[in-house]
Amino acid sequence: MGYSNVARIRPPGISSRDSDLVRQVCDETDFIINISPDEADLEHVSGTFLNLLRTYQPQLSATYAPIGHWLGAPAERHSTSGPARRSATSESGLTWIYVGGRGSKVALPLARQLIDTGLAAMPGS
């Protein structure tokens, strides 16, 4: 069993920071598919996740809150072309996910709910 292709969220207008290997795979195959979510996509996914949070928040918090994710990017790390390159994890082991503005990967209502339930944190918090 294998994958016929892999999709990744790639908002429009974000410059490529792919490694040489990933660029070569993209140039020579259709294995990697870029998906650019629009506002309707983000709202649809957000609604589904908000329902999951309402139903399973205690279990989700017990399992995932110690790991957490950063939402957003520090202002000095953001430019007009999107978030600047950062390592996948911070010193604390958290991974950031860009939220807000052009190229957001999470709808703001979902981001707020994830923060309120302790499943995510803003940088510096």
Protein backbone atom coordinates (compact mmCIF):
# COMPACT_ATOMS: atom_id res chain seq x y z
CA MET A 1 0.00 0.00 0.00
CA GLY A 2 1.27 3.43 -0.84
CA TYR A 3 0.20 6.95 -1.61
CA SER A 4 -0.62 8.07 -5.12
CA ASN A 5 0.05 11.66 -4.03
CA VAL A 6 0.29 13.95 -1.02
CA ALA A 7 -1.51 17.27 -0.58
CA ARG A 8 -0.10 20.21 1.34
CA ILE A 9 -1.65 23.51 2.30
CA ARG A 10 0.08 26.21 0.29
CA PRO A 11 -1.68 29.57 0.40
CA PRO A 12 -1.38 31.70 -2.75
CA GLY A 13 1.33 34.34 -2.72
CA ILE A 14 3.59 32.49 -0.30
CA SER A 15 7.07 32.12 -1.73
CA SER A 16 8.46 28.62 -2.03
CA ARG A 17 10.97 27.49 0.55
CA ASP A 18 11.13 23.92 -0.68
CA SER A 19 14.31 21.93 -0.51
CA ASP A 20 16.01 20.96 -3.76
CA LEU A 21 14.59 17.44 -3.43
CA VAL A 22 11.01 18.66 -2.97
CA ARG A 23 11.39 21.04 -5.95
CA GLN A 24 12.65 18.16 -8.08
CA VAL A 25 9.73 15.92 -7.04
CA CYS A 26 7.27 18.73 -7.83
CA ASP A 27 8.89 19.41 -11.21
CA GLU A 28 9.06 15.77 -12.29
CA THR A 29 5.87 14.25 -10.83
CA ASP A 30 2.35 15.07 -9.62
CA PHE A 31 3.05 13.41 -6.27
CA ILE A 32 2.80 16.66 -4.28
CA ILE A 33 -0.44 18.60 -4.74
CA ASN A 34 -0.70 22.17 -3.43
CA ILE A 35 -4.06 23.12 -1.94
CA SER A 36 -4.93 26.78 -1.40
CA PRO A 37 -7.82 27.09 1.05
CA ASP A 38 -10.18 30.01 0.61
CA GLU A 39 -12.35 31.58 3.31
CA ALA A 40 -15.20 29.12 2.66
CA ASP A 41 -12.81 26.17 3.06
CA LEU A 42 -11.47 27.55 6.34
CA GLU A 43 -15.00 28.15 7.66
CA HIS A 44 -16.14 24.64 6.69
CA VAL A 45 -13.18 22.97 8.38
CA SER A 46 -13.48 25.33 11.34
CA GLY A 47 -17.12 24.33 11.88
CA THR A 48 -16.21 20.65 11.91
CA PHE A 49 -13.36 21.17 14.37
CA LEU A 50 -15.49 23.43 16.60
CA ASN A 51 -18.09 20.64 16.81
CA LEU A 52 -15.34 18.19 17.76
CA LEU A 53 -14.09 20.59 20.42
CA ARG A 54 -17.58 21.00 21.89
CA THR A 55 -18.03 17.23 22.04
CA TYR A 56 -14.56 16.00 22.99
CA GLN A 57 -12.76 18.97 24.56
CA PRO A 58 -11.83 17.22 27.84
CA GLN A 59 -10.37 14.20 26.03
CA LEU A 60 -8.57 16.39 23.47
CA SER A 61 -7.11 18.63 26.16
CA ALA A 62 -5.96 15.65 28.21
CA THR A 63 -4.21 14.17 25.17
CA TYR A 64 -2.90 17.20 23.26
CA ALA A 65 -2.75 20.27 25.52
CA PRO A 66 0.74 19.43 26.86
CA ILE A 67 2.02 19.47 23.26
CA GLY A 68 0.10 22.48 21.97
CA HIS A 69 0.74 24.58 18.87
CA TRP A 70 1.61 28.18 18.33
CA LEU A 71 -0.96 30.03 16.32
CA GLY A 72 0.19 33.00 14.35
CA ALA A 73 3.67 34.28 13.89
CA PRO A 74 5.51 37.02 15.73
CA ALA A 75 5.16 40.32 13.87
CA GLU A 76 8.86 40.50 13.11
CA ARG A 77 8.61 37.10 11.44
CA HIS A 78 5.84 38.12 9.03
CA SER A 79 6.32 39.89 5.75
CA THR A 80 4.07 40.79 2.85
CA SER A 81 4.85 37.45 1.25
CA GLY A 82 3.71 35.50 4.32
CA PRO A 83 5.41 34.10 7.37
CA ALA A 84 9.18 34.01 7.33
CA ARG A 85 10.90 30.67 7.46
CA ARG A 86 11.17 29.23 10.93
CA SER A 87 12.23 25.89 12.20
CA ALA A 88 9.40 23.38 12.54
CA THR A 89 9.55 23.48 16.31
CA SER A 90 10.56 26.04 18.86
CA GLU A 91 12.77 25.48 21.88
CA SER A 92 9.61 24.52 23.81
CA GLY A 93 8.65 21.85 21.28
CA LEU A 94 5.68 23.82 19.96
CA THR A 95 4.98 24.12 16.25
CA TRP A 96 3.59 27.34 14.84
CA ILE A 97 0.67 27.55 12.44
CA TYR A 98 0.08 30.82 10.60
CA VAL A 99 -3.29 32.41 11.44
CA GLY A 100 -4.80 35.67 10.28
CA GLY A 101 -4.52 37.74 7.19
CA ARG A 102 -3.64 36.53 3.74
CA GLY A 103 -2.55 32.90 3.68
CA SER A 104 -4.10 31.92 7.01
CA LYS A 105 -4.27 28.16 7.58
CA VAL A 106 -6.88 28.33 10.38
CA ALA A 107 -10.10 30.36 10.68
CA LEU A 108 -9.95 32.89 13.52
CA PRO A 109 -12.97 31.50 15.47
CA LEU A 110 -11.28 28.09 15.60
CA ALA A 111 -7.95 29.64 16.59
CA ARG A 112 -9.62 31.51 19.47
CA GLN A 113 -11.40 28.36 20.66
CA LEU A 114 -8.18 26.32 20.53
CA ILE A 115 -6.46 28.97 22.65
CA ASP A 116 -9.40 29.21 25.08
CA THR A 117 -9.35 25.42 25.62
CA GLY A 118 -5.59 25.29 26.11
CA LEU A 119 -4.96 23.34 22.92
CA ALA A 120 -2.97 26.21 21.40
CA ALA A 121 -1.06 29.29 22.52
CA MET A 122 -0.04 32.57 20.98
CA PRO A 123 3.71 33.21 20.68
CA GLY A 124 5.11 34.61 23.90
CA SER A 125 2.28 33.28 26.05
